[in-house]
C-alpha atoms as a PDB file:
ATOM      1  CA  MET A   1      11.440 -17.478  19.150  1.00  0.00           C
ATOM      2  CA  LYS A   2       8.954 -19.828  17.568  1.00  0.00           C
ATOM      3  CA  VAL A   3       6.659 -18.201  15.008  1.00  0.00           C
ATOM      4  CA  LYS A   4       3.167 -19.570  14.568  1.00  0.00           C
ATOM      5  CA  GLU A   5       2.154 -20.786  11.135  1.00  0.00           C
ATOM      6  CA  GLU A   6      -0.871 -18.448  11.000  1.00  0.00           C
ATOM      7  CA  GLU A   7       1.430 -15.481  11.669  1.00  0.00           C
ATOM      8  CA  ILE A   8       3.644 -16.491   8.744  1.00  0.00           C
ATOM      9  CA  SER A   9       0.622 -16.774   6.467  1.00  0.00           C
ATOM     10  CA  GLU A  10      -0.535 -13.331   7.646  1.00  0.00           C
ATOM     11  CA  VAL A  11       2.853 -11.894   6.651  1.00  0.00           C
ATOM     12  CA  ASP A  12       2.642 -13.642   3.269  1.00  0.00           C
ATOM     13  CA  GLU A  13      -0.863 -12.271   2.850  1.00  0.00           C
ATOM     14  CA  LEU A  14       0.348  -8.756   3.686  1.00  0.00           C
ATOM     15  CA  LEU A  15       3.127  -9.046   1.134  1.00  0.00           C
ATOM     16  CA  ALA A  16       0.658 -10.250  -1.508  1.00  0.00           C
ATOM     17  CA  GLU A  17      -1.691  -7.336  -0.716  1.00  0.00           C
ATOM     18  CA  LEU A  18       1.161  -4.855  -0.992  1.00  0.00           C
ATOM     19  CA  ILE A  19       2.349  -6.276  -4.296  1.00  0.00           C
ATOM     20  CA  GLU A  20      -1.152  -6.346  -5.753  1.00  0.00           C
ATOM     21  CA  ARG A  21      -1.807  -2.779  -4.581  1.00  0.00           C
ATOM     22  CA  VAL A  22       1.342  -1.366  -6.182  1.00  0.00           C
ATOM     23  CA  ALA A  23       1.947  -3.700  -9.140  1.00  0.00           C
ATOM     24  CA  GLY A  24      -1.520  -5.054  -9.844  1.00  0.00           C
ATOM     25  CA  GLU A  25      -2.589  -8.597 -10.496  1.00  0.00           C
ATOM     26  CA  ILE A  26       0.105  -9.071 -13.154  1.00  0.00           C
ATOM     27  CA  GLY A  27       2.762  -7.979 -10.669  1.00  0.00           C
ATOM     28  CA  LEU A  28       1.481 -10.477  -8.118  1.00  0.00           C
ATOM     29  CA  VAL A  29       1.495 -13.268 -10.702  1.00  0.00           C
ATOM     30  CA  ILE A  30       5.045 -12.411 -11.780  1.00  0.00           C
ATOM     31  CA  TYR A  31       6.276 -12.251  -8.190  1.00  0.00           C
ATOM     32  CA  SER A  32       4.525 -15.524  -7.350  1.00  0.00           C
ATOM     33  CA  MET A  33       6.334 -17.309 -10.171  1.00  0.00           C
ATOM     34  CA  GLY A  34       9.378 -17.623  -7.899  1.00  0.00           C
ATOM     35  CA  LEU A  35      11.844 -16.650 -10.613  1.00  0.00           C
ATOM     36  CA  GLU A  36      15.371 -16.928  -9.239  1.00  0.00           C
ATOM     37  CA  GLU A  37      17.249 -16.174 -12.467  1.00  0.00           C
ATOM     38  CA  GLU A  38      17.304 -13.030 -14.583  1.00  0.00           C
ATOM     39  CA  PHE A  39      14.567 -12.678 -17.161  1.00  0.00           C
ATOM     40  CA  THR A  40      13.311 -10.192 -19.718  1.00  0.00           C
ATOM     41  CA  ASP A  41       9.932  -8.532 -19.788  1.00  0.00           C
ATOM     42  CA  GLU A  42       9.398 -10.105 -23.193  1.00  0.00           C
ATOM     43  CA  GLN A  43       9.944 -13.618 -21.808  1.00  0.00           C
ATOM     44  CA  ILE A  44       7.348 -13.043 -19.076  1.00  0.00           C
ATOM     45  CA  ALA A  45       4.843 -11.456 -21.463  1.00  0.00           C
ATOM     46  CA  ASN A  46       5.134 -14.481 -23.769  1.00  0.00           C
ATOM     47  CA  GLU A  47       4.880 -16.958 -20.903  1.00  0.00           C
ATOM     48  CA  LEU A  48       1.816 -15.266 -19.399  1.00  0.00           C
ATOM     49  CA  GLY A  49       0.226 -14.360 -22.706  1.00  0.00           C
ATOM     50  CA  VAL A  50      -0.195 -10.690 -21.775  1.00  0.00           C
ATOM     51  CA  GLU A  51       0.894  -7.408 -23.323  1.00  0.00           C
ATOM     52  CA  ILE A  52       4.530  -6.523 -22.737  1.00  0.00           C
ATOM     53  CA  ASN A  53       3.521  -3.041 -21.504  1.00  0.00           C
ATOM     54  CA  GLU A  54       1.484  -4.624 -18.676  1.00  0.00           C
ATOM     55  CA  VAL A  55       4.537  -6.651 -17.647  1.00  0.00           C
ATOM     56  CA  ARG A  56       6.813  -3.595 -17.820  1.00  0.00           C
ATOM     57  CA  LYS A  57       4.412  -1.509 -15.754  1.00  0.00           C
ATOM     58  CA  ALA A  58       4.215  -4.234 -13.090  1.00  0.00           C
ATOM     59  CA  LEU A  59       7.978  -4.766 -13.014  1.00  0.00           C
ATOM     60  CA  PHE A  60       8.701  -1.057 -12.656  1.00  0.00           C
ATOM     61  CA  ALA A  61       6.164  -0.896  -9.808  1.00  0.00           C
ATOM     62  CA  LEU A  62       7.965  -3.786  -8.093  1.00  0.00           C
ATOM     63  CA  TYR A  63      11.229  -1.934  -8.705  1.00  0.00           C
ATOM     64  CA  GLU A  64       9.836   1.221  -7.070  1.00  0.00           C
ATOM     65  CA  ILE A  65       9.180  -0.612  -3.788  1.00  0.00           C
ATOM     66  CA  GLY A  66      12.450  -2.549  -3.924  1.00  0.00           C
ATOM     67  CA  LEU A  67      11.211  -6.018  -4.852  1.00  0.00           C
ATOM     68  CA  ALA A  68      12.785  -6.017  -8.308  1.00  0.00           C
ATOM     69  CA  SER A  69      15.979  -4.781  -9.867  1.00  0.00           C
ATOM     70  CA  TYR A  70      17.210  -4.597 -13.415  1.00  0.00           C
ATOM     71  CA  ARG A  71      20.199  -4.064 -15.591  1.00  0.00           C
ATOM     72  CA  ARG A  72      20.084  -2.506 -19.042  1.00  0.00           C
ATOM     73  CA  VAL A  73      21.966  -3.840 -22.023  1.00  0.00           C
ATOM     74  CA  LYS A  74      22.141  -2.040 -25.351  1.00  0.00           C
ATOM     75  CA  ASP A  75      21.901  -4.292 -28.404  1.00  0.00           C
ATOM     76  CA  ASP A  76      24.695  -3.088 -30.708  1.00  0.00           C
ATOM     77  CA  ASP A  77      22.890  -4.335 -33.833  1.00  0.00           C
ATOM     78  CA  THR A  78      19.490  -2.736 -33.259  1.00  0.00           C
ATOM     79  CA  GLY A  79      20.380   0.031 -30.821  1.00  0.00           C
ATOM     80  CA  TRP A  80      17.513  -1.103 -28.585  1.00  0.00           C
ATOM     81  CA  ILE A  81      17.968  -1.274 -24.841  1.00  0.00           C
ATOM     82  CA  GLU A  82      16.924  -4.537 -23.238  1.00  0.00           C
ATOM     83  CA  TYR A  83      16.082  -4.866 -19.568  1.00  0.00           C
ATOM     84  CA  PHE A  84      17.144  -7.942 -17.620  1.00  0.00           C
ATOM     85  CA  TRP A  85      15.076  -8.241 -14.449  1.00  0.00           C
ATOM     86  CA  LYS A  86      15.649  -9.999 -11.147  1.00  0.00           C
ATOM     87  CA  LEU A  87      13.146 -10.315  -8.331  1.00  0.00           C
ATOM     88  CA  ASN A  88      14.490  -9.434  -4.888  1.00  0.00           C
ATOM     89  CA  TYR A  89      12.854 -12.034  -2.669  1.00  0.00           C
ATOM     90  CA  ASP A  90      15.535 -11.356  -0.058  1.00  0.00           C
ATOM     91  CA  LYS A  91      14.172  -7.817   0.447  1.00  0.00           C
ATOM     92  CA  GLU A  92      10.612  -8.844   1.392  1.00  0.00           C
ATOM     93  CA  LYS A  93      11.171  -8.258   5.108  1.00  0.00           C
ATOM     94  CA  GLU A  94      12.794  -4.856   4.559  1.00  0.00           C
ATOM     95  CA  VAL A  95      10.037  -3.720   2.171  1.00  0.00           C
ATOM     96  CA  LEU A  96       7.235  -4.904   4.463  1.00  0.00           C
ATOM     97  CA  LEU A  97       8.810  -3.236   7.501  1.00  0.00           C
ATOM     98  CA  ARG A  98       9.198   0.041   5.598  1.00  0.00           C
ATOM     99  CA  GLU A  99       5.579  -0.033   4.387  1.00  0.00           C
ATOM    100  CA  LEU A 100       4.164  -1.055   7.774  1.00  0.00           C
ATOM    101  CA  THR A 101       6.186   1.666   9.504  1.00  0.00           C
ATOM    102  CA  LYS A 102       4.919   4.237   7.018  1.00  0.00           C
ATOM    103  CA  THR A 103       1.333   3.081   7.579  1.00  0.00           C
ATOM    104  CA  LYS A 104       1.867   3.208  11.342  1.00  0.00           C
ATOM    105  CA  ARG A 105       3.159   6.794  11.147  1.00  0.00           C
ATOM    106  CA  ASN A 106       0.150   7.823   9.057  1.00  0.00           C
ATOM    107  CA  LEU A 107      -2.249   6.182  11.507  1.00  0.00           C
ATOM    108  CA  GLU A 108      -0.521   7.838  14.456  1.00  0.00           C
ATOM    109  CA  GLU A 109      -1.006  11.212  12.747  1.00  0.00           C
ATOM    110  CA  LYS A 110      -4.652  10.397  12.075  1.00  0.00           C
ATOM    111  CA  LEU A 111      -5.151   9.312  15.685  1.00  0.00           C
ATOM    112  CA  LYS A 112      -3.595  12.536  16.931  1.00  0.00           C
ATOM    113  CA  GLU A 113      -5.850  14.529  14.618  1.00  0.00           C
ATOM    114  CA  GLU A 114      -8.996  12.585  15.583  1.00  0.00           C
ATOM    115  CA  ASP A 115      -8.111  12.746  19.287  1.00  0.00           C
ATOM    116  CA  GLN A 116      -7.506  16.494  19.341  1.00  0.00           C
ATOM    117  CA  SER A 117     -10.344  17.649  17.130  1.00  0.00           C
ATOM    118  CA  VAL A 118     -14.095  17.900  17.243  1.00  0.00           C
ATOM    119  CA  TYR A 119     -15.845  17.217  13.963  1.00  0.00           C
ATOM    120  CA  TYR A 120     -19.218  17.896  12.456  1.00  0.00           C
ATOM    121  CA  LEU A 121     -20.738  15.895   9.644  1.00  0.00           C
ATOM    122  CA  CYS A 122     -23.374  16.865   7.114  1.00  0.00           C
ATOM    123  CA  LYS A 123     -26.509  14.835   7.794  1.00  0.00           C
ATOM    124  CA  ASN A 124     -26.499  13.985   4.074  1.00  0.00           C
ATOM    125  CA  GLY A 125     -22.873  12.818   4.215  1.00  0.00           C
ATOM    126  CA  CYS A 126     -21.491  15.627   2.032  1.00  0.00           C
ATOM    127  CA  VAL A 127     -18.673  16.888   4.259  1.00  0.00           C
ATOM    128  CA  LYS A 128     -16.817  16.330   7.510  1.00  0.00           C
ATOM    129  CA  VAL A 129     -15.531  19.595   8.975  1.00  0.00           C
ATOM    130  CA  SER A 130     -13.798  20.758  12.133  1.00  0.00           C
ATOM    131  CA  TYR A 131     -15.685  22.628  14.824  1.00  0.00           C
ATOM    132  CA  GLU A 132     -14.099  25.877  13.659  1.00  0.00           C
ATOM    133  CA  GLU A 133     -15.242  25.305  10.079  1.00  0.00           C
ATOM    134  CA  ALA A 134     -18.721  24.314  11.261  1.00  0.00           C
ATOM    135  CA  MET A 135     -18.938  27.631  13.117  1.00  0.00           C
ATOM    136  CA  GLU A 136     -17.871  29.511   9.967  1.00  0.00           C
ATOM    137  CA  TYR A 137     -20.638  27.754   8.027  1.00  0.00           C
ATOM    138  CA  ASN A 138     -23.125  28.461  10.827  1.00  0.00           C
ATOM    139  CA  PHE A 139     -23.484  24.674  11.197  1.00  0.00           C
ATOM    140  CA  MET A 140     -24.916  24.416   7.680  1.00  0.00           C
ATOM    141  CA  CYS A 141     -23.351  22.211   4.982  1.00  0.00           C
ATOM    142  CA  PRO A 142     -21.471  24.336   2.433  1.00  0.00           C
ATOM    143  CA  LYS A 143     -22.473  21.900  -0.331  1.00  0.00           C
ATOM    144  CA  CYS A 144     -26.140  21.060   0.221  1.00  0.00           C
ATOM    145  CA  GLY A 145     -27.285  23.445   2.955  1.00  0.00           C
ATOM    146  CA  GLY A 146     -28.191  20.589   5.320  1.00  0.00           C
ATOM    147  CA  MET A 147     -27.494  20.671   9.037  1.00  0.00           C
ATOM    148  CA  LEU A 148     -24.035  19.819  10.316  1.00  0.00           C
ATOM    149  CA  GLU A 149     -24.271  17.427  13.250  1.00  0.00           C
ATOM    150  CA  TYR A 150     -21.722  16.576  15.928  1.00  0.00           C
ATOM    151  CA  LEU A 151     -19.690  13.514  15.009  1.00  0.00           C
ATOM    152  CA  ASP A 152     -18.843  11.176  17.856  1.00  0.00           C
ATOM    153  CA  ASN A 153     -15.514   9.802  16.677  1.00  0.00           C
ATOM    154  CA  THR A 154     -14.960   7.534  19.701  1.00  0.00           C
ATOM    155  CA  LYS A 155     -15.418   4.401  17.588  1.00  0.00           C
ATOM    156  CA  ALA A 156     -13.043   5.721  14.923  1.00  0.00           C
ATOM    157  CA  VAL A 157     -10.399   6.479  17.568  1.00  0.00           C
ATOM    158  CA  GLU A 158     -10.786   2.997  19.050  1.00  0.00           C
ATOM    159  CA  ALA A 159     -10.527   1.407  15.589  1.00  0.00           C
ATOM    160  CA  ILE A 160      -7.326   3.349  14.869  1.00  0.00           C
ATOM    161  CA  LYS A 161      -5.849   2.294  18.222  1.00  0.00           C
ATOM    162  CA  LYS A 162      -6.733  -1.323  17.523  1.00  0.00           C
ATOM    163  CA  GLU A 163      -5.147  -1.138  14.064  1.00  0.00           C
ATOM    164  CA  LEU A 164      -2.017   0.444  15.563  1.00  0.00           C
ATOM    165  CA  GLU A 165      -1.749  -2.451  18.034  1.00  0.00           C
ATOM    166  CA  HIS A 166      -2.087  -4.896  15.154  1.00  0.00           C
ATOM    167  CA  LEU A 167       0.604  -3.068  13.167  1.00  0.00           C
ATOM    168  CA  GLU A 168       2.942  -3.140  16.187  1.00  0.00           C
ATOM    169  CA  LYS A 169       2.424  -6.900  16.452  1.00  0.00           C
ATOM    170  CA  LEU A 170       3.197  -7.350  12.755  1.00  0.00           C
ATOM    171  CA  ILE A 171       6.270  -5.129  12.916  1.00  0.00           C
ATOM    172  CA  LYS A 172       7.619  -7.131  15.883  1.00  0.00           C
ATOM    173  CA  LEU A 173       6.832 -10.385  14.086  1.00  0.00           C
ATOM    174  CA  ILE A 174       8.709  -9.341  10.952  1.00  0.00           C
ATOM    175  CA  SER A 175      11.645  -7.710  12.781  1.00  0.00           C
END
């Protein structure tokens, strides 16, 4: 199967968004460095000119999603534990698939909820409540006292369906 260049860049973009969301800008910079060998957090902090705690936070975030691993070595002289990090570029596909699948499941739940429920919205935007809750509140907002109005969620349902189709396409592309 031949993969279009724009699809590859979309996957790269997704990976970058994921990394930035979980590990911040520093995490994205570290990951983008293309480090193949082991390194220490101190080396990266010095190279980037940032605080070592920022680097550690980003690396542990990358570790949490599976894009980094480490080994600990205790310095016999000082008693300090030093972390030697390695970026797991070979796990990008696995991590993206896991995250996209999780997002898909969440959207499917949201679609089910939106599809099976009738909602009312405060005209001032305070709350969105189910029909049952709106009845309990006598169709008055529990926060501001304004009227609760029927919410036509057709556009929201269509947007969720469209996003689910897009996710399916991405999942097939990555698989």
